[in-house]
Each structure stands twice: as C-alpha cells, then as structure tokens.
PDB file of N, CA and C in Angstrom:
ATOM      1  N   MET A   1     -14.674  78.559  60.907  1.00  0.00           N
ATOM      2  CA  MET A   1     -14.964  78.655  62.311  1.00  0.00           C
ATOM      3  C   MET A   1     -16.461  78.927  62.486  1.00  0.00           C
ATOM      4  N   MET A   2     -17.082  78.214  63.409  1.00  0.00           N
ATOM      5  CA  MET A   2     -18.496  78.399  63.693  1.00  0.00           C
ATOM      6  C   MET A   2     -18.665  79.640  64.561  1.00  0.00           C
ATOM      7  N   ARG A   3     -19.603  80.493  64.203  1.00  0.00           N
ATOM      8  CA  ARG A   3     -19.861  81.713  64.960  1.00  0.00           C
ATOM      9  C   ARG A   3     -21.073  81.510  65.858  1.00  0.00           C
ATOM     10  N   TYR A   4     -20.943  81.905  67.083  1.00  0.00           N
ATOM     11  CA  TYR A   4     -22.040  81.863  68.026  1.00  0.00           C
ATOM     12  C   TYR A   4     -22.433  83.280  68.381  1.00  0.00           C
ATOM     13  N   THR A   5     -23.682  83.471  68.669  1.00  0.00           N
ATOM     14  CA  THR A   5     -24.155  84.791  69.079  1.00  0.00           C
ATOM     15  C   THR A   5     -23.881  84.976  70.570  1.00  0.00           C
ATOM     16  N   ALA A   6     -23.994  86.211  71.019  1.00  0.00           N
ATOM     17  CA  ALA A   6     -23.822  86.493  72.445  1.00  0.00           C
ATOM     18  C   ALA A   6     -24.846  85.720  73.261  1.00  0.00           C
ATOM     19  N   ARG A   7     -26.055  85.575  72.740  1.00  0.00           N
ATOM     20  CA  ARG A   7     -27.098  84.836  73.459  1.00  0.00           C
ATOM     21  C   ARG A   7     -26.696  83.373  73.629  1.00  0.00           C
ATOM     22  N   GLN A   8     -26.180  82.749  72.564  1.00  0.00           N
ATOM     23  CA  GLN A   8     -25.752  81.352  72.661  1.00  0.00           C
ATOM     24  C   GLN A   8     -24.592  81.211  73.644  1.00  0.00           C
ATOM     25  N   THR A   9     -23.675  82.166  73.624  1.00  0.00           N
ATOM     26  CA  THR A   9     -22.536  82.128  74.531  1.00  0.00           C
ATOM     27  C   THR A   9     -22.999  82.229  75.975  1.00  0.00           C
ATOM     28  N   THR A  10     -23.921  83.145  76.264  1.00  0.00           N
ATOM     29  CA  THR A  10     -24.448  83.292  77.619  1.00  0.00           C
ATOM     30  C   THR A  10     -25.169  82.018  78.045  1.00  0.00           C
ATOM     31  N   THR A  11     -25.919  81.413  77.146  1.00  0.00           N
ATOM     32  CA  THR A  11     -26.612  80.166  77.455  1.00  0.00           C
ATOM     33  C   THR A  11     -25.610  79.067  77.789  1.00  0.00           C
ATOM     34  N   ASN A  12     -24.523  78.962  77.012  1.00  0.00           N
ATOM     35  CA  ASN A  12     -23.505  77.948  77.282  1.00  0.00           C
ATOM     36  C   ASN A  12     -22.875  78.150  78.648  1.00  0.00           C
ATOM     37  N   VAL A  13     -22.566  79.371  78.991  1.00  0.00           N
ATOM     38  CA  VAL A  13     -21.960  79.656  80.292  1.00  0.00           C
ATOM     39  C   VAL A  13     -22.942  79.329  81.404  1.00  0.00           C
ATOM     40  N   ALA A  14     -24.181  79.783  81.270  1.00  0.00           N
ATOM     41  CA  ALA A  14     -25.180  79.556  82.313  1.00  0.00           C
ATOM     42  C   ALA A  14     -25.488  78.077  82.489  1.00  0.00           C
ATOM     43  N   SER A  15     -25.586  77.327  81.414  1.00  0.00           N
ATOM     44  CA  SER A  15     -25.928  75.913  81.545  1.00  0.00           C
ATOM     45  C   SER A  15     -24.790  75.122  82.170  1.00  0.00           C
ATOM     46  N   GLY A  16     -23.578  75.595  82.040  1.00  0.00           N
ATOM     47  CA  GLY A  16     -22.439  74.912  82.641  1.00  0.00           C
ATOM     48  C   GLY A  16     -22.412  75.003  84.146  1.00  0.00           C
ATOM     49  N   THR A  17     -23.180  75.911  84.731  1.00  0.00           N
ATOM     50  CA  THR A  17     -23.174  76.081  86.179  1.00  0.00           C
ATOM     51  C   THR A  17     -24.106  75.098  86.874  1.00  0.00           C
ATOM     52  N   ARG A  18     -24.888  74.353  86.141  1.00  0.00           N
ATOM     53  CA  ARG A  18     -25.887  73.469  86.745  1.00  0.00           C
ATOM     54  C   ARG A  18     -25.643  72.005  86.393  1.00  0.00           C
ATOM     55  N   THR A  19     -24.432  71.523  86.552  1.00  0.00           N
ATOM     56  CA  THR A  19     -24.155  70.125  86.297  1.00  0.00           C
ATOM     57  C   THR A  19     -24.774  69.282  87.397  1.00  0.00           C
ATOM     58  N   PRO A  20     -25.093  68.011  87.127  1.00  0.00           N
ATOM     59  CA  PRO A  20     -25.655  67.165  88.183  1.00  0.00           C
ATOM     60  C   PRO A  20     -24.749  67.091  89.411  1.00  0.00           C
ATOM     61  N   ALA A  21     -23.436  67.013  89.201  1.00  0.00           N
ATOM     62  CA  ALA A  21     -22.514  66.957  90.341  1.00  0.00           C
ATOM     63  C   ALA A  21     -22.577  68.240  91.149  1.00  0.00           C
ATOM     64  N   ALA A  22     -22.673  69.375  90.464  1.00  0.00           N
ATOM     65  CA  ALA A  22     -22.759  70.658  91.165  1.00  0.00           C
ATOM     66  C   ALA A  22     -24.050  70.746  91.973  1.00  0.00           C
ATOM     67  N   VAL A  23     -25.134  70.283  91.392  1.00  0.00           N
ATOM     68  CA  VAL A  23     -26.420  70.314  92.104  1.00  0.00           C
ATOM     69  C   VAL A  23     -26.359  69.400  93.325  1.00  0.00           C
ATOM     70  N   ARG A  24     -25.762  68.206  93.183  1.00  0.00           N
ATOM     71  CA  ARG A  24     -25.651  67.295  94.330  1.00  0.00           C
ATOM     72  C   ARG A  24     -24.824  67.925  95.447  1.00  0.00           C
ATOM     73  N   ARG A  25     -23.696  68.575  95.084  1.00  0.00           N
ATOM     74  CA  ARG A  25     -22.864  69.230  96.103  1.00  0.00           C
ATOM     75  C   ARG A  25     -23.644  70.347  96.788  1.00  0.00           C
ATOM     76  N   ALA A  26     -24.406  71.107  96.017  1.00  0.00           N
ATOM     77  CA  ALA A  26     -25.200  72.194  96.598  1.00  0.00           C
ATOM     78  C   ALA A  26     -26.274  71.642  97.522  1.00  0.00           C
ATOM     79  N   GLU A  27     -26.916  70.553  97.119  1.00  0.00           N
ATOM     80  CA  GLU A  27     -27.949  69.954  97.955  1.00  0.00           C
ATOM     81  C   GLU A  27     -27.358  69.410  99.246  1.00  0.00           C
ATOM     82  N   ARG A  28     -26.164  68.807  99.133  1.00  0.00           N
ATOM     83  CA  ARG A  28     -25.492  68.296 100.315  1.00  0.00           C
ATOM     84  C   ARG A  28     -25.174  69.439 101.284  1.00  0.00           C
ATOM     85  N   ALA A  29     -24.633  70.521 100.746  1.00  0.00           N
ATOM     86  CA  ALA A  29     -24.309  71.684 101.585  1.00  0.00           C
ATOM     87  C   ALA A  29     -25.575  72.272 102.182  1.00  0.00           C
ATOM     88  N   ALA A  30     -26.661  72.296 101.405  1.00  0.00           N
ATOM     89  CA  ALA A  30     -27.913  72.868 101.884  1.00  0.00           C
ATOM     90  C   ALA A  30     -28.506  72.042 103.018  1.00  0.00           C
ATOM     91  N   SER A  31     -28.281  70.723 102.986  1.00  0.00           N
ATOM     92  CA  SER A  31     -28.837  69.893 104.047  1.00  0.00           C
ATOM     93  C   SER A  31     -28.237  70.274 105.397  1.00  0.00           C
ATOM     94  N   GLU A  32     -27.050  70.881 105.372  1.00  0.00           N
ATOM     95  CA  GLU A  32     -26.411  71.312 106.608  1.00  0.00           C
ATOM     96  C   GLU A  32     -26.866  72.710 107.018  1.00  0.00           C
ATOM     97  N   THR A  33     -27.296  73.525 106.063  1.00  0.00           N
ATOM     98  CA  THR A  33     -27.609  74.926 106.356  1.00  0.00           C
ATOM     99  C   THR A  33     -29.060  75.299 106.085  1.00  0.00           C
ATOM    100  N   GLY A  34     -29.846  74.402 105.535  1.00  0.00           N
ATOM    101  CA  GLY A  34     -31.233  74.704 105.181  1.00  0.00           C
ATOM    102  C   GLY A  34     -31.469  74.418 103.718  1.00  0.00           C
ATOM    103  N   PRO A  35     -32.686  74.656 103.230  1.00  0.00           N
ATOM    104  CA  PRO A  35     -33.001  74.341 101.836  1.00  0.00           C
ATOM    105  C   PRO A  35     -32.195  75.196 100.855  1.00  0.00           C
ATOM    106  N   TYR A  36     -31.763  74.558  99.793  1.00  0.00           N
ATOM    107  CA  TYR A  36     -30.992  75.247  98.753  1.00  0.00           C
ATOM    108  C   TYR A  36     -31.948  75.856  97.745  1.00  0.00           C
ATOM    109  N   GLU A  37     -31.830  77.144  97.509  1.00  0.00           N
ATOM    110  CA  GLU A  37     -32.613  77.832  96.496  1.00  0.00           C
ATOM    111  C   GLU A  37     -31.651  78.392  95.465  1.00  0.00           C
ATOM    112  N   PRO A  38     -31.612  77.795  94.272  1.00  0.00           N
ATOM    113  CA  PRO A  38     -30.656  78.253  93.263  1.00  0.00           C
ATOM    114  C   PRO A  38     -30.949  79.672  92.793  1.00  0.00           C
ATOM    115  N   VAL A  39     -29.883  80.432  92.616  1.00  0.00           N
ATOM    116  CA  VAL A  39     -29.972  81.800  92.119  1.00  0.00           C
ATOM    117  C   VAL A  39     -28.999  81.942  90.960  1.00  0.00           C
ATOM    118  N   LEU A  40     -29.480  82.493  89.866  1.00  0.00           N
ATOM    119  CA  LEU A  40     -28.645  82.778  88.700  1.00  0.00           C
ATOM    120  C   LEU A  40     -28.818  84.260  88.398  1.00  0.00           C
ATOM    121  N   ARG A  41     -27.705  84.993  88.390  1.00  0.00           N
ATOM    122  CA  ARG A  41     -27.755  86.441  88.180  1.00  0.00           C
ATOM    123  C   ARG A  41     -26.930  86.792  86.946  1.00  0.00           C
ATOM    124  N   VAL A  42     -27.474  87.649  86.095  1.00  0.00           N
ATOM    125  CA  VAL A  42     -26.771  88.137  84.912  1.00  0.00           C
ATOM    126  C   VAL A  42     -26.645  89.650  85.049  1.00  0.00           C
ATOM    127  N   GLU A  43     -25.419  90.147  84.975  1.00  0.00           N
ATOM    128  CA  GLU A  43     -25.171  91.581  85.090  1.00  0.00           C
ATOM    129  C   GLU A  43     -24.408  92.055  83.860  1.00  0.00           C
ATOM    130  N   THR A  44     -24.763  93.218  83.376  1.00  0.00           N
ATOM    131  CA  THR A  44     -24.040  93.824  82.262  1.00  0.00           C
ATOM    132  C   THR A  44     -23.565  95.200  82.693  1.00  0.00           C
ATOM    133  N   ARG A  45     -22.425  95.608  82.165  1.00  0.00           N
ATOM    134  CA  ARG A  45     -21.942  96.963  82.440  1.00  0.00           C
ATOM    135  C   ARG A  45     -20.936  97.373  81.385  1.00  0.00           C
ATOM    136  N   ARG A  46     -20.767  98.644  81.268  1.00  0.00           N
ATOM    137  CA  ARG A  46     -19.769  99.208  80.358  1.00  0.00           C
ATOM    138  C   ARG A  46     -18.524  99.524  81.181  1.00  0.00           C
ATOM    139  N   GLU A  47     -17.380  99.056  80.716  1.00  0.00           N
ATOM    140  CA  GLU A  47     -16.109  99.268  81.411  1.00  0.00           C
ATOM    141  C   GLU A  47     -15.135  99.890  80.427  1.00  0.00           C
ATOM    142  N   GLY A  48     -15.074 101.197  80.405  1.00  0.00           N
ATOM    143  CA  GLY A  48     -14.194 101.877  79.463  1.00  0.00           C
ATOM    144  C   GLY A  48     -14.596 101.557  78.036  1.00  0.00           C
ATOM    145  N   GLY A  49     -13.688 100.958  77.265  1.00  0.00           N
ATOM    146  CA  GLY A  49     -13.963 100.609  75.878  1.00  0.00           C
ATOM    147  C   GLY A  49     -14.518  99.210  75.703  1.00  0.00           C
ATOM    148  N   ALA A  50     -15.046  98.635  76.762  1.00  0.00           N
ATOM    149  CA  ALA A  50     -15.564  97.273  76.687  1.00  0.00           C
ATOM    150  C   ALA A  50     -16.925  97.179  77.370  1.00  0.00           C
ATOM    151  N   VAL A  51     -17.627  96.110  77.054  1.00  0.00           N
ATOM    152  CA  VAL A  51     -18.884  95.762  77.702  1.00  0.00           C
ATOM    153  C   VAL A  51     -18.665  94.423  78.379  1.00  0.00           C
ATOM    154  N   SER A  52     -19.099  94.296  79.618  1.00  0.00           N
ATOM    155  CA  SER A  52     -18.938  93.015  80.300  1.00  0.00           C
ATOM    156  C   SER A  52     -20.297  92.408  80.605  1.00  0.00           C
ATOM    157  N   VAL A  53     -20.325  91.088  80.541  1.00  0.00           N
ATOM    158  CA  VAL A  53     -21.506  90.306  80.907  1.00  0.00           C
ATOM    159  C   VAL A  53     -21.026  89.301  81.942  1.00  0.00           C
ATOM    160  N   ALA A  54     -21.606  89.353  83.135  1.00  0.00           N
ATOM    161  CA  ALA A  54     -21.225  88.436  84.207  1.00  0.00           C
ATOM    162  C   ALA A  54     -22.411  87.548  84.546  1.00  0.00           C
ATOM    163  N   VAL A  55     -22.188  86.245  84.571  1.00  0.00           N
ATOM    164  CA  VAL A  55     -23.212  85.269  84.942  1.00  0.00           C
ATOM    165  C   VAL A  55     -22.742  84.624  86.237  1.00  0.00           C
ATOM    166  N   SER A  56     -23.533  84.798  87.308  1.00  0.00           N
ATOM    167  CA  SER A  56     -23.156  84.288  88.634  1.00  0.00           C
ATOM    168  C   SER A  56     -24.203  83.319  89.142  1.00  0.00           C
ATOM    169  N   ASP A  57     -23.754  82.368  89.961  1.00  0.00           N
ATOM    170  CA  ASP A  57     -24.684  81.465  90.633  1.00  0.00           C
ATOM    171  C   ASP A  57     -24.277  81.327  92.089  1.00  0.00           C
ATOM    172  N   ASN A  58     -25.148  80.734  92.863  1.00  0.00           N
ATOM    173  CA  ASN A  58     -24.867  80.483  94.269  1.00  0.00           C
ATOM    174  C   ASN A  58     -24.673  78.997  94.518  1.00  0.00           C
ATOM    175  N   GLY A  59     -24.140  78.305  93.512  1.00  0.00           N
ATOM    176  CA  GLY A  59     -23.904  76.873  93.614  1.00  0.00           C
ATOM    177  C   GLY A  59     -22.712  76.556  94.493  1.00  0.00           C
ATOM    178  N   PRO A  60     -22.220  75.331  94.404  1.00  0.00           N
ATOM    179  CA  PRO A  60     -21.150  74.886  95.289  1.00  0.00           C
ATOM    180  C   PRO A  60     -19.776  75.451  94.950  1.00  0.00           C
ATOM    181  N   GLY A  61     -19.652  76.148  93.826  1.00  0.00           N
ATOM    182  CA  GLY A  61     -18.352  76.659  93.421  1.00  0.00           C
ATOM    183  C   GLY A  61     -17.507  75.586  92.758  1.00  0.00           C
ATOM    184  N   LEU A  62     -16.351  76.001  92.274  1.00  0.00           N
ATOM    185  CA  LEU A  62     -15.448  75.098  91.559  1.00  0.00           C
ATOM    186  C   LEU A  62     -14.118  75.016  92.286  1.00  0.00           C
ATOM    187  N   ALA A  63     -13.636  73.810  92.477  1.00  0.00           N
ATOM    188  CA  ALA A  63     -12.307  73.621  93.044  1.00  0.00           C
ATOM    189  C   ALA A  63     -11.267  74.118  92.044  1.00  0.00           C
ATOM    190  N   ALA A  64     -10.106  74.503  92.526  1.00  0.00           N
ATOM    191  CA  ALA A  64      -9.049  75.054  91.668  1.00  0.00           C
ATOM    192  C   ALA A  64      -8.738  74.175  90.455  1.00  0.00           C
ATOM    193  N   PRO A  65      -8.606  72.850  90.606  1.00  0.00           N
ATOM    194  CA  PRO A  65      -8.310  72.026  89.421  1.00  0.00           C
ATOM    195  C   PRO A  65      -9.390  72.118  88.342  1.00  0.00           C
ATOM    196  N   LEU A  66     -10.650  72.258  88.744  1.00  0.00           N
ATOM    197  CA  LEU A  66     -11.740  72.406  87.776  1.00  0.00           C
ATOM    198  C   LEU A  66     -11.679  73.762  87.093  1.00  0.00           C
ATOM    199  N   ARG A  67     -11.411  74.823  87.870  1.00  0.00           N
ATOM    200  CA  ARG A  67     -11.328  76.176  87.300  1.00  0.00           C
ATOM    201  C   ARG A  67     -10.264  76.243  86.199  1.00  0.00           C
ATOM    202  N   GLN A  68      -9.193  75.514  86.365  1.00  0.00           N
ATOM    203  CA  GLN A  68      -8.113  75.540  85.384  1.00  0.00           C
ATOM    204  C   GLN A  68      -8.488  74.856  84.085  1.00  0.00           C
ATOM    205  N   ARG A  69      -9.527  74.022  84.101  1.00  0.00           N
ATOM    206  CA  ARG A  69      -9.854  73.216  82.924  1.00  0.00           C
ATOM    207  C   ARG A  69     -11.193  73.537  82.281  1.00  0.00           C
ATOM    208  N   VAL A  70     -12.019  74.388  82.869  1.00  0.00           N
ATOM    209  CA  VAL A  70     -13.400  74.547  82.401  1.00  0.00           C
ATOM    210  C   VAL A  70     -13.518  74.995  80.949  1.00  0.00           C
ATOM    211  N   PHE A  71     -12.512  75.657  80.390  1.00  0.00           N
ATOM    212  CA  PHE A  71     -12.605  76.126  79.015  1.00  0.00           C
ATOM    213  C   PHE A  71     -11.970  75.165  78.014  1.00  0.00           C
ATOM    214  N   GLU A  72     -11.491  74.007  78.474  1.00  0.00           N
ATOM    215  CA  GLU A  72     -10.906  73.009  77.574  1.00  0.00           C
ATOM    216  C   GLU A  72     -12.014  72.296  76.798  1.00  0.00           C
ATOM    217  N   PRO A  73     -11.809  72.099  75.475  1.00  0.00           N
ATOM    218  CA  PRO A  73     -12.806  71.335  74.714  1.00  0.00           C
ATOM    219  C   PRO A  73     -12.937  69.913  75.262  1.00  0.00           C
ATOM    220  N   PHE A  74     -14.148  69.432  75.342  1.00  0.00           N
ATOM    221  CA  PHE A  74     -14.511  68.085  75.770  1.00  0.00           C
ATOM    222  C   PHE A  74     -14.279  67.819  77.253  1.00  0.00           C
ATOM    223  N   TYR A  75     -13.950  68.847  78.030  1.00  0.00           N
ATOM    224  CA  TYR A  75     -13.829  68.648  79.474  1.00  0.00           C
ATOM    225  C   TYR A  75     -15.215  68.782  80.086  1.00  0.00           C
ATOM    226  N   THR A  76     -15.618  67.795  80.854  1.00  0.00           N
ATOM    227  CA  THR A  76     -16.922  67.815  81.515  1.00  0.00           C
ATOM    228  C   THR A  76     -16.844  67.065  82.830  1.00  0.00           C
ATOM    229  N   THR A  77     -17.668  67.471  83.757  1.00  0.00           N
ATOM    230  CA  THR A  77     -17.801  66.741  85.016  1.00  0.00           C
ATOM    231  C   THR A  77     -19.036  65.843  84.970  1.00  0.00           C
ATOM    232  N   ARG A  78     -19.744  65.886  83.865  1.00  0.00           N
ATOM    233  CA  ARG A  78     -20.957  65.074  83.719  1.00  0.00           C
ATOM    234  C   ARG A  78     -20.583  63.665  83.267  1.00  0.00           C
ATOM    235  N   PRO A  79     -21.434  62.704  83.580  1.00  0.00           N
ATOM    236  CA  PRO A  79     -21.121  61.318  83.226  1.00  0.00           C
ATOM    237  C   PRO A  79     -21.166  61.090  81.715  1.00  0.00           C
ATOM    238  N   PRO A  80     -20.369  60.132  81.222  1.00  0.00           N
ATOM    239  CA  PRO A  80     -20.406  59.795  79.794  1.00  0.00           C
ATOM    240  C   PRO A  80     -21.825  59.403  79.382  1.00  0.00           C
ATOM    241  N   GLY A  81     -22.207  59.815  78.187  1.00  0.00           N
ATOM    242  CA  GLY A  81     -23.529  59.498  77.677  1.00  0.00           C
ATOM    243  C   GLY A  81     -24.621  60.435  78.176  1.00  0.00           C
ATOM    244  N   SER A  82     -24.261  61.474  78.892  1.00  0.00           N
ATOM    245  CA  SER A  82     -25.264  62.382  79.453  1.00  0.00           C
ATOM    246  C   SER A  82     -25.797  63.361  78.414  1.00  0.00           C
ATOM    247  N   GLY A  83     -25.173  63.383  77.225  1.00  0.00           N
ATOM    248  CA  GLY A  83     -25.608  64.321  76.198  1.00  0.00           C
ATOM    249  C   GLY A  83     -24.924  65.668  76.312  1.00  0.00           C
ATOM    250  N   HIS A  84     -23.959  65.776  77.190  1.00  0.00           N
ATOM    251  CA  HIS A  84     -23.206  67.020  77.381  1.00  0.00           C
ATOM    252  C   HIS A  84     -21.723  66.718  77.173  1.00  0.00           C
ATOM    253  N   PRO A  85     -21.222  66.913  75.946  1.00  0.00           N
ATOM    254  CA  PRO A  85     -19.853  66.494  75.636  1.00  0.00           C
ATOM    255  C   PRO A  85     -18.766  67.432  76.143  1.00  0.00           C
ATOM    256  N   GLY A  86     -19.103  68.496  76.854  1.00  0.00           N
ATOM    257  CA  GLY A  86     -18.072  69.384  77.371  1.00  0.00           C
ATOM    258  C   GLY A  86     -17.605  70.417  76.372  1.00  0.00           C
ATOM    259  N   LEU A  87     -18.502  70.867  75.519  1.00  0.00           N
ATOM    260  CA  LEU A  87     -18.129  71.857  74.506  1.00  0.00           C
ATOM    261  C   LEU A  87     -18.673  73.259  74.790  1.00  0.00           C
ATOM    262  N   GLY A  88     -19.644  73.395  75.674  1.00  0.00           N
ATOM    263  CA  GLY A  88     -20.295  74.684  75.882  1.00  0.00           C
ATOM    264  C   GLY A  88     -19.354  75.805  76.272  1.00  0.00           C
ATOM    265  N   LEU A  89     -18.563  75.598  77.313  1.00  0.00           N
ATOM    266  CA  LEU A  89     -17.660  76.659  77.766  1.00  0.00           C
ATOM    267  C   LEU A  89     -16.482  76.851  76.826  1.00  0.00           C
ATOM    268  N   SER A  90     -16.039  75.783  76.166  1.00  0.00           N
ATOM    269  CA  SER A  90     -14.939  75.964  75.203  1.00  0.00           C
ATOM    270  C   SER A  90     -15.428  76.762  73.993  1.00  0.00           C
ATOM    271  N   LEU A  91     -16.661  76.526  73.566  1.00  0.00           N
ATOM    272  CA  LEU A  91     -17.223  77.321  72.470  1.00  0.00           C
ATOM    273  C   LEU A  91     -17.451  78.766  72.901  1.00  0.00           C
ATOM    274  N   ALA A  92     -17.882  78.967  74.138  1.00  0.00           N
ATOM    275  CA  ALA A  92     -18.034  80.332  74.646  1.00  0.00           C
ATOM    276  C   ALA A  92     -16.680  81.037  74.640  1.00  0.00           C
ATOM    277  N   HIS A  93     -15.637  80.346  75.079  1.00  0.00           N
ATOM    278  CA  HIS A  93     -14.283  80.923  75.087  1.00  0.00           C
ATOM    279  C   HIS A  93     -13.829  81.245  73.666  1.00  0.00           C
ATOM    280  N   GLU A  94     -14.023  80.309  72.748  1.00  0.00           N
ATOM    281  CA  GLU A  94     -13.629  80.521  71.351  1.00  0.00           C
ATOM    282  C   GLU A  94     -14.358  81.721  70.755  1.00  0.00           C
ATOM    283  N   THR A  95     -15.630  81.846  71.081  1.00  0.00           N
ATOM    284  CA  THR A  95     -16.430  82.943  70.537  1.00  0.00           C
ATOM    285  C   THR A  95     -16.000  84.290  71.110  1.00  0.00           C
ATOM    286  N   VAL A  96     -15.882  84.362  72.420  1.00  0.00           N
ATOM    287  CA  VAL A  96     -15.549  85.628  73.074  1.00  0.00           C
ATOM    288  C   VAL A  96     -14.121  86.059  72.734  1.00  0.00           C
ATOM    289  N   VAL A  97     -13.164  85.150  72.843  1.00  0.00           N
ATOM    290  CA  VAL A  97     -11.754  85.494  72.627  1.00  0.00           C
ATOM    291  C   VAL A  97     -11.406  85.516  71.146  1.00  0.00           C
ATOM    292  N   GLY A  98     -11.684  84.407  70.449  1.00  0.00           N
ATOM    293  CA  GLY A  98     -11.313  84.307  69.041  1.00  0.00           C
ATOM    294  C   GLY A  98     -12.206  85.079  68.104  1.00  0.00           C
ATOM    295  N   GLY A  99     -13.510  85.054  68.365  1.00  0.00           N
ATOM    296  CA  GLY A  99     -14.452  85.690  67.462  1.00  0.00           C
ATOM    297  C   GLY A  99     -14.605  87.188  67.667  1.00  0.00           C
ATOM    298  N   TYR A 100     -14.545  87.625  68.933  1.00  0.00           N
ATOM    299  CA  TYR A 100     -14.798  89.034  69.232  1.00  0.00           C
ATOM    300  C   TYR A 100     -13.585  89.767  69.807  1.00  0.00           C
ATOM    301  N   GLY A 101     -12.495  89.068  70.042  1.00  0.00           N
ATOM    302  CA  GLY A 101     -11.306  89.709  70.595  1.00  0.00           C
ATOM    303  C   GLY A 101     -11.477  90.142  72.035  1.00  0.00           C
ATOM    304  N   GLY A 102     -12.298  89.423  72.767  1.00  0.00           N
ATOM    305  CA  GLY A 102     -12.553  89.772  74.166  1.00  0.00           C
ATOM    306  C   GLY A 102     -11.825  88.858  75.128  1.00  0.00           C
ATOM    307  N   GLN A 103     -12.333  88.807  76.335  1.00  0.00           N
ATOM    308  CA  GLN A 103     -11.778  87.972  77.394  1.00  0.00           C
ATOM    309  C   GLN A 103     -12.925  87.269  78.104  1.00  0.00           C
ATOM    310  N   ILE A 104     -12.638  86.081  78.632  1.00  0.00           N
ATOM    311  CA  ILE A 104     -13.614  85.394  79.476  1.00  0.00           C
ATOM    312  C   ILE A 104     -12.846  84.764  80.622  1.00  0.00           C
ATOM    313  N   GLU A 105     -13.414  84.869  81.811  1.00  0.00           N
ATOM    314  CA  GLU A 105     -12.738  84.328  82.991  1.00  0.00           C
ATOM    315  C   GLU A 105     -13.768  83.783  83.967  1.00  0.00           C
ATOM    316  N   VAL A 106     -13.284  82.976  84.874  1.00  0.00           N
ATOM    317  CA  VAL A 106     -14.145  82.421  85.918  1.00  0.00           C
ATOM    318  C   VAL A 106     -13.534  82.747  87.271  1.00  0.00           C
ATOM    319  N   GLU A 107     -14.386  83.164  88.180  1.00  0.00           N
ATOM    320  CA  GLU A 107     -14.029  83.332  89.581  1.00  0.00           C
ATOM    321  C   GLU A 107     -14.959  82.425  90.360  1.00  0.00           C
ATOM    322  N   SER A 108     -14.400  81.710  91.320  1.00  0.00           N
ATOM    323  CA  SER A 108     -15.236  80.773  92.049  1.00  0.00           C
ATOM    324  C   SER A 108     -14.687  80.561  93.449  1.00  0.00           C
ATOM    325  N   GLU A 109     -15.614  80.370  94.370  1.00  0.00           N
ATOM    326  CA  GLU A 109     -15.240  80.029  95.733  1.00  0.00           C
ATOM    327  C   GLU A 109     -16.087  78.833  96.146  1.00  0.00           C
ATOM    328  N   GLU A 110     -15.420  77.786  96.569  1.00  0.00           N
ATOM    329  CA  GLU A 110     -16.150  76.586  96.967  1.00  0.00           C
ATOM    330  C   GLU A 110     -17.114  76.914  98.103  1.00  0.00           C
ATOM    331  N   GLY A 111     -18.335  76.442  97.965  1.00  0.00           N
ATOM    332  CA  GLY A 111     -19.360  76.670  98.963  1.00  0.00           C
ATOM    333  C   GLY A 111     -20.083  77.998  98.823  1.00  0.00           C
ATOM    334  N   VAL A 112     -19.652  78.845  97.869  1.00  0.00           N
ATOM    335  CA  VAL A 112     -20.255  80.165  97.703  1.00  0.00           C
ATOM    336  C   VAL A 112     -20.879  80.332  96.322  1.00  0.00           C
ATOM    337  N   GLY A 113     -20.168  79.939  95.275  1.00  0.00           N
ATOM    338  CA  GLY A 113     -20.686  80.060  93.918  1.00  0.00           C
ATOM    339  C   GLY A 113     -19.608  80.445  92.932  1.00  0.00           C
ATOM    340  N   SER A 114     -20.030  80.684  91.690  1.00  0.00           N
ATOM    341  CA  SER A 114     -19.099  80.999  90.603  1.00  0.00           C
ATOM    342  C   SER A 114     -19.634  82.179  89.805  1.00  0.00           C
ATOM    343  N   THR A 115     -18.700  82.904  89.203  1.00  0.00           N
ATOM    344  CA  THR A 115     -19.038  83.993  88.286  1.00  0.00           C
ATOM    345  C   THR A 115     -18.193  83.851  87.032  1.00  0.00           C
ATOM    346  N   PHE A 116     -18.846  83.779  85.892  1.00  0.00           N
ATOM    347  CA  PHE A 116     -18.172  83.789  84.598  1.00  0.00           C
ATOM    348  C   PHE A 116     -18.379  85.176  84.014  1.00  0.00           C
ATOM    349  N   THR A 117     -17.295  85.841  83.655  1.00  0.00           N
ATOM    350  CA  THR A 117     -17.374  87.187  83.106  1.00  0.00           C
ATOM    351  C   THR A 117     -16.758  87.230  81.719  1.00  0.00           C
ATOM    352  N   ALA A 118     -17.541  87.724  80.763  1.00  0.00           N
ATOM    353  CA  ALA A 118     -17.064  87.937  79.386  1.00  0.00           C
ATOM    354  C   ALA A 118     -16.949  89.438  79.166  1.00  0.00           C
ATOM    355  N   ARG A 119     -15.789  89.862  78.666  1.00  0.00           N
ATOM    356  CA  ARG A 119     -15.577  91.276  78.330  1.00  0.00           C
ATOM    357  C   ARG A 119     -15.371  91.375  76.821  1.00  0.00           C
ATOM    358  N   LEU A 120     -16.200  92.199  76.200  1.00  0.00           N
ATOM    359  CA  LEU A 120     -16.162  92.353  74.751  1.00  0.00           C
ATOM    360  C   LEU A 120     -15.868  93.795  74.390  1.00  0.00           C
ATOM    361  N   PRO A 121     -15.058  94.023  73.341  1.00  0.00           N
ATOM    362  CA  PRO A 121     -14.813  95.396  72.916  1.00  0.00           C
ATOM    363  C   PRO A 121     -16.125  96.058  72.516  1.00  0.00           C
ATOM    364  N   ALA A 122     -16.332  97.290  72.970  1.00  0.00           N
ATOM    365  CA  ALA A 122     -17.540  98.035  72.605  1.00  0.00           C
ATOM    366  C   ALA A 122     -17.352  98.645  71.225  1.00  0.00           C
ATOM    367  N   GLY A 123     -18.403  98.605  70.451  1.00  0.00           N
ATOM    368  CA  GLY A 123     -18.366  99.265  69.144  1.00  0.00           C
ATOM    369  C   GLY A 123     -18.075  98.413  67.997  1.00  0.00           C
TER     370      GLY A 123
END
C-alpha cells in the first residue's frame, strides 16, 4: 500500500475543490450576485482523542449524487485527458481511513461551498 503524508492528503482534498466545472458554476452564480472571490480555509482542532483537519471552500458546492461518489477511485467531474484521473480524494480516503484509522467526510451545500474533514487519532 502506498503511504501518503498528511500534507499530500490535504493537497489532494484541496485540489479537488477547484475542478473546472466547479469554477464555471461558481462564476455563473457570481454573475448573478457579483464577482466571485474564491476562499479556501484550513482549520485544525483537537477533538477528544483525535485531531481534525477541515478544508472548506466557498465554491458552488456538491449535489447529493456527487457527494456520494467523491471518494470512489477514478471518479472525476473533469473531462477525459485533463490529467486528473480521479484518484486524489480516493487516495486521501485510503490514507486517512486505511493508513491512520481515521475518518474523512464531506459536507456540502449547493451555492454555498464544501467542507472536507479528516479526523485522525491523536498520538
């Protein structure tokens, strides 16, 4: 099994929030409400016996069918040949859950943004 560091996992999660389709949806929504200024926030905290890392954006959010599939290997909303085979979030999931015994989840609201949270055992 390939091991990824926490930094690589965070990068995979963060890069998944900026797909071309997501940017187009955000730009479309912004044209109705004003200029779109992307925001990416990373928060860390200790929760009992675990440490959590949350990566949030103010993008267009994910529809329910997408939320159910984002951690599947080779699932992508990007066009074929784009150089993004849909492995980033599945590798992040494998690393957090399989490698560290943690949890990873996504919360998203269409038109508001998404938050990916990884919880890892402390110690």
